[in-house]
């Protein structure tokens, strides 16, 4: 099993897809930024600029993955059926 668990489809996360070119994912608690970047880039065939990690109160880890300008987060959201 990989480090990416499932995408986040809240209203705020959907807004960030178009506004900031970001996708949000729940990841495993022991995942590192490098592991997340490698798996995400391999899975979707894109390149990332930045990954931010947030530990939530529900004992989960959330990754905010920012894509390079030549790739569109909206295209990935359609593949994931978020929009």
Protein backbone atom coordinates (compact mmCIF):
# COMPACT_ATOMS: atom_id res chain seq x y z
CA UNK A 1 0.00 0.00 0.00
CA UNK A 2 1.26 3.47 -0.87
CA UNK A 3 1.40 6.57 1.23
CA UNK A 4 -1.49 8.31 -0.59
CA UNK A 5 -4.79 7.22 0.97
CA UNK A 6 -7.59 9.30 -0.60
CA UNK A 7 -8.20 12.82 -1.99
CA UNK A 8 -10.04 15.45 0.01
CA UNK A 9 -13.20 16.78 -1.64
CA UNK A 10 -14.35 19.54 0.72
CA UNK A 11 -15.53 22.88 -0.62
CA UNK A 12 -12.29 24.57 0.44
CA UNK A 13 -10.17 21.86 -1.21
CA UNK A 14 -12.16 22.14 -4.45
CA UNK A 15 -11.71 25.94 -4.43
CA UNK A 16 -7.93 25.50 -4.10
CA UNK A 17 -7.84 23.25 -7.16
CA UNK A 18 -8.59 26.15 -9.51
CA UNK A 19 -7.37 29.07 -7.44
CA UNK A 20 -3.97 27.73 -6.29
CA UNK A 21 -3.41 24.69 -8.56
CA UNK A 22 -3.32 22.42 -5.47
CA UNK A 23 -4.66 18.95 -4.70
CA UNK A 24 -5.24 17.82 -1.11
CA UNK A 25 -4.77 14.22 0.00
CA UNK A 26 -4.99 12.30 3.24
CA UNK A 27 -1.71 10.40 3.58
CA UNK A 28 -0.35 7.81 6.00
CA UNK A 29 0.94 9.15 9.31
CA UNK A 30 4.55 8.07 8.69
CA UNK A 31 4.71 9.49 5.13
CA UNK A 32 7.49 11.94 4.27
CA UNK A 33 7.35 14.72 1.69
CA UNK A 34 9.73 12.80 -0.58
CA UNK A 35 7.58 9.66 -0.45
CA UNK A 36 4.44 11.67 -1.19
CA UNK A 37 6.10 13.55 -4.08
CA UNK A 38 7.49 10.36 -5.64
CA UNK A 39 4.20 8.46 -5.47
CA UNK A 40 2.05 11.39 -6.66
CA UNK A 41 4.32 12.20 -9.61
CA UNK A 42 4.49 8.55 -10.64
CA UNK A 43 0.75 7.98 -10.26
CA UNK A 44 -0.41 11.04 -12.23
CA UNK A 45 2.59 11.80 -14.45
CA UNK A 46 2.99 15.40 -13.26
CA UNK A 47 5.66 17.47 -11.49
CA UNK A 48 5.14 19.22 -8.17
CA UNK A 49 6.51 22.49 -6.79
CA UNK A 50 5.73 22.17 -3.10
CA UNK A 51 4.17 19.83 -0.57
CA UNK A 52 2.85 21.03 2.79
CA UNK A 53 1.90 18.60 5.55
CA UNK A 54 -0.71 19.16 8.26
CA UNK A 55 -1.43 16.84 11.18
CA UNK A 56 -5.15 17.02 11.95
CA UNK A 57 -6.99 16.51 15.23
CA UNK A 58 -8.55 13.31 13.87
CA UNK A 59 -5.08 11.67 14.01
CA UNK A 60 -4.63 12.01 10.24
CA UNK A 61 -2.03 13.66 8.07
CA UNK A 62 -3.09 15.91 5.20
CA UNK A 63 -0.83 16.79 2.27
CA UNK A 64 -1.40 19.90 0.16
CA UNK A 65 0.35 19.24 -3.15
CA UNK A 66 1.06 22.24 -5.40
CA UNK A 67 1.62 21.47 -9.08
CA UNK A 68 3.86 23.24 -11.57
CA UNK A 69 2.16 25.76 -13.85
CA UNK A 70 2.33 23.53 -16.93
CA UNK A 71 0.11 20.95 -15.17
CA UNK A 72 -3.48 21.61 -14.13
CA UNK A 73 -4.86 20.35 -10.83
CA UNK A 74 -8.31 20.47 -12.44
CA UNK A 75 -7.30 17.69 -14.84
CA UNK A 76 -6.29 15.47 -11.93
CA UNK A 77 -9.50 16.37 -10.06
CA UNK A 78 -11.53 15.15 -13.05
CA UNK A 79 -9.58 11.85 -13.07
CA UNK A 80 -10.32 11.49 -9.34
CA UNK A 81 -14.00 12.45 -9.93
CA UNK A 82 -13.80 15.36 -7.49
CA UNK A 83 -15.40 17.80 -9.95
